[in-house]
Structures are given as C-alpha cells and as structure tokens.
C-alpha cells in the first residue's frame, strides 16, 4: 500500500476502477449514449424529469421503475411505442396520458431512449435492440 502526502493510494485506485466500471456500464452501448440522452431530454424529460424522478402524482418516475428494470423489456417497449393512460405505479394512479412515440421515432431511436432509461439513475435493466423494438412494433398494430 503506497502513501503520498499521508494519503493511501489503494482507495483512490479503487475509486478510479469504480468510476471506470460505472462508465462502462453506461458505455456498454457505445457512442450512442449521448444521442440517447439527447433523445430522452427532447422527448421524455419534460414529464419524467431529467433525473428520471417524474412529477409526483402527475407523471411516474422511471428511476427504479419495475417496467424499466425488468429483464423482459416488452412492456417498456410497448409503452414507448403506443403510449399509456391510467397507469398505477407504486400504488399511485397516474391519470395523465403518455403519448405514443411509435409514429415519430424510428426503432433505433426508441431503443436508444429505452436503453438510456434502463441504464440511468441506478437502473440496471437489460438493454434492447432496434430489431426487438421492430418486433414489438409489429405486435402493436
């Protein structure tokens, strides 16, 4: 264990490794992460907030949401594609409708938004692909 100026380097190195691990978790889908963040901000943040916490009683949180973190992403994809009305989340009924994005965003853009939601704010959901979105789009028509 090394010391510099009285500080132990091992915790500092461990912190650097944790930061790299956190970056790689978000970065596991590569350079599209910044585009995904921009798509989320443009299409979702007004209702669900930039930090995914939503707006109490009006728009549900995505941070920690079971739909967002569940391994089976079909419902998450369907909600983004076709929208949702009258959802109950954490025992709270959210009457404000979520619009559908299926007509305005392509499969890759929807996958990017979903992946951003599934890998942000402490969420660790399985990432999805554009072909998965396309398959769900075929089921929602």
C-alpha atoms as a PDB file:
ATOM      1  CA  UNK A   1       0.000   0.000   0.000  1.00  0.00           C
ATOM      2  CA  UNK A   2       1.535   3.305  -1.095  1.00  0.00           C
ATOM      3  CA  UNK A   3       1.216   6.667   0.584  1.00  0.00           C
ATOM      4  CA  UNK A   4       1.560  10.081  -0.976  1.00  0.00           C
ATOM      5  CA  UNK A   5       1.330  13.047   1.330  1.00  0.00           C
ATOM      6  CA  UNK A   6      -0.206  10.841   4.003  1.00  0.00           C
ATOM      7  CA  UNK A   7      -2.932   9.501   1.681  1.00  0.00           C
ATOM      8  CA  UNK A   8      -3.329   5.842   0.952  1.00  0.00           C
ATOM      9  CA  UNK A   9      -3.438   5.139  -2.791  1.00  0.00           C
ATOM     10  CA  UNK A  10      -5.392   1.896  -2.688  1.00  0.00           C
ATOM     11  CA  UNK A  11      -8.799   3.558  -2.047  1.00  0.00           C
ATOM     12  CA  UNK A  12      -8.056   6.137  -4.730  1.00  0.00           C
ATOM     13  CA  UNK A  13      -7.236   3.419  -7.242  1.00  0.00           C
ATOM     14  CA  UNK A  14     -10.373   1.510  -6.235  1.00  0.00           C
ATOM     15  CA  UNK A  15     -12.440   4.672  -6.753  1.00  0.00           C
ATOM     16  CA  UNK A  16     -10.923   5.106 -10.214  1.00  0.00           C
ATOM     17  CA  UNK A  17     -11.773   1.497 -11.032  1.00  0.00           C
ATOM     18  CA  UNK A  18     -15.365   2.002  -9.816  1.00  0.00           C
ATOM     19  CA  UNK A  19     -15.715   5.113 -11.978  1.00  0.00           C
ATOM     20  CA  UNK A  20     -14.456   3.201 -14.988  1.00  0.00           C
ATOM     21  CA  UNK A  21     -16.865   0.364 -14.236  1.00  0.00           C
ATOM     22  CA  UNK A  22     -19.775   2.800 -13.958  1.00  0.00           C
ATOM     23  CA  UNK A  23     -18.777   4.457 -17.228  1.00  0.00           C
ATOM     24  CA  UNK A  24     -18.529   1.106 -18.971  1.00  0.00           C
ATOM     25  CA  UNK A  25     -21.987   0.111 -17.702  1.00  0.00           C
ATOM     26  CA  UNK A  26     -23.476   3.154 -19.396  1.00  0.00           C
ATOM     27  CA  UNK A  27     -20.954   2.915 -22.207  1.00  0.00           C
ATOM     28  CA  UNK A  28     -21.780  -0.721 -22.954  1.00  0.00           C
ATOM     29  CA  UNK A  29     -23.875   0.553 -25.849  1.00  0.00           C
ATOM     30  CA  UNK A  30     -21.146   2.868 -27.033  1.00  0.00           C
ATOM     31  CA  UNK A  31     -21.179   6.299 -28.587  1.00  0.00           C
ATOM     32  CA  UNK A  32     -24.970   6.185 -28.914  1.00  0.00           C
ATOM     33  CA  UNK A  33     -25.267   7.050 -25.203  1.00  0.00           C
ATOM     34  CA  UNK A  34     -25.001  10.791 -25.840  1.00  0.00           C
ATOM     35  CA  UNK A  35     -27.536  10.613 -28.662  1.00  0.00           C
ATOM     36  CA  UNK A  36     -29.817   8.576 -26.396  1.00  0.00           C
ATOM     37  CA  UNK A  37     -29.529  11.156 -23.636  1.00  0.00           C
ATOM     38  CA  UNK A  38     -30.423  13.919 -26.110  1.00  0.00           C
ATOM     39  CA  UNK A  39     -33.438  11.905 -27.345  1.00  0.00           C
ATOM     40  CA  UNK A  40     -34.577  11.344 -23.760  1.00  0.00           C
ATOM     41  CA  UNK A  41     -34.224  15.044 -22.913  1.00  0.00           C
ATOM     42  CA  UNK A  42     -36.120  16.088 -26.065  1.00  0.00           C
ATOM     43  CA  UNK A  43     -38.942  13.550 -25.748  1.00  0.00           C
ATOM     44  CA  UNK A  44     -39.266  12.383 -22.142  1.00  0.00           C
ATOM     45  CA  UNK A  45     -37.639  14.723 -19.618  1.00  0.00           C
ATOM     46  CA  UNK A  46     -40.452  17.289 -19.581  1.00  0.00           C
ATOM     47  CA  UNK A  47     -42.701  14.688 -17.958  1.00  0.00           C
ATOM     48  CA  UNK A  48     -40.356  12.178 -16.337  1.00  0.00           C
ATOM     49  CA  UNK A  49     -37.689  14.782 -15.348  1.00  0.00           C
ATOM     50  CA  UNK A  50     -34.051  14.852 -16.384  1.00  0.00           C
ATOM     51  CA  UNK A  51     -33.188  12.694 -13.374  1.00  0.00           C
ATOM     52  CA  UNK A  52     -35.961  10.151 -14.019  1.00  0.00           C
ATOM     53  CA  UNK A  53     -37.873  11.016 -10.830  1.00  0.00           C
ATOM     54  CA  UNK A  54     -41.075  12.083 -12.611  1.00  0.00           C
ATOM     55  CA  UNK A  55     -43.516  14.569 -11.108  1.00  0.00           C
ATOM     56  CA  UNK A  56     -45.396  13.370  -8.052  1.00  0.00           C
ATOM     57  CA  UNK A  57     -48.981  12.455  -8.802  1.00  0.00           C
ATOM     58  CA  UNK A  58     -48.751  13.567 -12.432  1.00  0.00           C
ATOM     59  CA  UNK A  59     -46.007  11.654 -14.247  1.00  0.00           C
ATOM     60  CA  UNK A  60     -44.459   8.472 -12.805  1.00  0.00           C
ATOM     61  CA  UNK A  61     -40.780   8.031 -12.033  1.00  0.00           C
ATOM     62  CA  UNK A  62     -38.617   5.931 -14.335  1.00  0.00           C
ATOM     63  CA  UNK A  63     -35.868   5.727 -11.747  1.00  0.00           C
ATOM     64  CA  UNK A  64     -36.341   2.369 -10.043  1.00  0.00           C
ATOM     65  CA  UNK A  65     -39.450   1.555 -12.098  1.00  0.00           C
ATOM     66  CA  UNK A  66     -40.182  -2.166 -12.336  1.00  0.00           C
ATOM     67  CA  UNK A  67     -41.152  -1.803 -16.012  1.00  0.00           C
ATOM     68  CA  UNK A  68     -37.801  -0.135 -16.725  1.00  0.00           C
ATOM     69  CA  UNK A  69     -35.678  -2.597 -14.762  1.00  0.00           C
ATOM     70  CA  UNK A  70     -37.483  -5.840 -15.615  1.00  0.00           C
ATOM     71  CA  UNK A  71     -35.484  -8.290 -17.777  1.00  0.00           C
ATOM     72  CA  UNK A  72     -38.429  -8.722 -20.137  1.00  0.00           C
ATOM     73  CA  UNK A  73     -38.490  -5.347 -21.886  1.00  0.00           C
ATOM     74  CA  UNK A  74     -41.653  -5.980 -23.956  1.00  0.00           C
ATOM     75  CA  UNK A  75     -43.921  -3.802 -21.810  1.00  0.00           C
ATOM     76  CA  UNK A  76     -41.340  -1.000 -21.668  1.00  0.00           C
ATOM     77  CA  UNK A  77     -41.072  -1.055 -25.454  1.00  0.00           C
ATOM     78  CA  UNK A  78     -44.861  -1.131 -25.888  1.00  0.00           C
ATOM     79  CA  UNK A  79     -45.361   1.841 -23.549  1.00  0.00           C
ATOM     80  CA  UNK A  80     -42.922   3.954 -25.555  1.00  0.00           C
ATOM     81  CA  UNK A  81     -44.347   2.788 -28.892  1.00  0.00           C
ATOM     82  CA  UNK A  82     -48.082   3.156 -28.195  1.00  0.00           C
ATOM     83  CA  UNK A  83     -48.276   5.258 -25.018  1.00  0.00           C
ATOM     84  CA  UNK A  84     -50.197   4.591 -21.847  1.00  0.00           C
ATOM     85  CA  UNK A  85     -53.117   6.017 -19.885  1.00  0.00           C
ATOM     86  CA  UNK A  86     -54.246   5.390 -16.338  1.00  0.00           C
ATOM     87  CA  UNK A  87     -51.152   3.530 -15.125  1.00  0.00           C
ATOM     88  CA  UNK A  88     -50.751   2.653 -11.468  1.00  0.00           C
ATOM     89  CA  UNK A  89     -47.151   2.887 -10.278  1.00  0.00           C
ATOM     90  CA  UNK A  90     -46.165   2.266  -6.686  1.00  0.00           C
ATOM     91  CA  UNK A  91     -49.804   2.415  -5.652  1.00  0.00           C
ATOM     92  CA  UNK A  92     -50.314   5.832  -7.282  1.00  0.00           C
ATOM     93  CA  UNK A  93     -52.691   6.215 -10.211  1.00  0.00           C
ATOM     94  CA  UNK A  94     -51.267   8.468 -12.931  1.00  0.00           C
ATOM     95  CA  UNK A  95     -54.164   9.791 -14.993  1.00  0.00           C
ATOM     96  CA  UNK A  96     -52.066  11.966 -17.326  1.00  0.00           C
ATOM     97  CA  UNK A  97     -51.654  10.086 -20.606  1.00  0.00           C
ATOM     98  CA  UNK A  98     -48.265   9.221 -22.004  1.00  0.00           C
ATOM     99  CA  UNK A  99     -48.185   9.872 -25.737  1.00  0.00           C
ATOM    100  CA  UNK A 100     -47.145   7.259 -28.257  1.00  0.00           C
ATOM    101  CA  UNK A 101     -43.777   7.733 -29.938  1.00  0.00           C
ATOM    102  CA  UNK A 102     -44.162   4.941 -32.489  1.00  0.00           C
ATOM    103  CA  UNK A 103     -45.129   7.311 -35.300  1.00  0.00           C
ATOM    104  CA  UNK A 104     -42.499   9.955 -34.588  1.00  0.00           C
ATOM    105  CA  UNK A 105     -39.403   7.906 -33.685  1.00  0.00           C
ATOM    106  CA  UNK A 106     -37.767   5.036 -35.525  1.00  0.00           C
ATOM    107  CA  UNK A 107     -36.809   1.699 -33.958  1.00  0.00           C
ATOM    108  CA  UNK A 108     -33.207   2.716 -33.255  1.00  0.00           C
ATOM    109  CA  UNK A 109     -34.272   5.972 -31.579  1.00  0.00           C
ATOM    110  CA  UNK A 110     -36.799   4.171 -29.393  1.00  0.00           C
ATOM    111  CA  UNK A 111     -34.195   1.542 -28.474  1.00  0.00           C
ATOM    112  CA  UNK A 112     -31.760   4.329 -27.561  1.00  0.00           C
ATOM    113  CA  UNK A 113     -34.294   6.056 -25.297  1.00  0.00           C
ATOM    114  CA  UNK A 114     -35.247   2.785 -23.629  1.00  0.00           C
ATOM    115  CA  UNK A 115     -31.584   1.879 -23.116  1.00  0.00           C
ATOM    116  CA  UNK A 116     -30.914   5.302 -21.623  1.00  0.00           C
ATOM    117  CA  UNK A 117     -33.781   4.781 -19.179  1.00  0.00           C
ATOM    118  CA  UNK A 118     -32.625   1.235 -18.394  1.00  0.00           C
ATOM    119  CA  UNK A 119     -29.038   2.305 -17.652  1.00  0.00           C
ATOM    120  CA  UNK A 120     -29.512   5.660 -15.902  1.00  0.00           C
ATOM    121  CA  UNK A 121     -30.290   6.803 -12.346  1.00  0.00           C
ATOM    122  CA  UNK A 122     -29.177   3.491 -10.847  1.00  0.00           C
ATOM    123  CA  UNK A 123     -31.379   1.401 -13.148  1.00  0.00           C
ATOM    124  CA  UNK A 124     -29.837  -1.825 -14.424  1.00  0.00           C
ATOM    125  CA  UNK A 125     -32.316  -3.158 -16.950  1.00  0.00           C
ATOM    126  CA  UNK A 126     -31.341  -5.386 -19.857  1.00  0.00           C
ATOM    127  CA  UNK A 127     -30.610  -3.267 -22.914  1.00  0.00           C
ATOM    128  CA  UNK A 128     -32.752  -3.676 -26.031  1.00  0.00           C
ATOM    129  CA  UNK A 129     -32.041  -3.618 -29.758  1.00  0.00           C
ATOM    130  CA  UNK A 130     -33.743  -1.913 -32.674  1.00  0.00           C
ATOM    131  CA  UNK A 131     -34.872  -5.320 -34.026  1.00  0.00           C
ATOM    132  CA  UNK A 132     -36.599  -6.010 -30.674  1.00  0.00           C
ATOM    133  CA  UNK A 133     -38.422  -2.682 -30.986  1.00  0.00           C
ATOM    134  CA  UNK A 134     -39.380  -3.567 -34.578  1.00  0.00           C
ATOM    135  CA  UNK A 135     -40.790  -6.909 -33.419  1.00  0.00           C
ATOM    136  CA  UNK A 136     -42.849  -5.170 -30.725  1.00  0.00           C
ATOM    137  CA  UNK A 137     -43.969  -2.551 -33.242  1.00  0.00           C
ATOM    138  CA  UNK A 138     -45.327  -5.376 -35.379  1.00  0.00           C
ATOM    139  CA  UNK A 139     -47.334  -6.650 -32.407  1.00  0.00           C
ATOM    140  CA  UNK A 140     -48.795  -3.252 -31.538  1.00  0.00           C
ATOM    141  CA  UNK A 141     -50.519  -2.592 -34.845  1.00  0.00           C
END
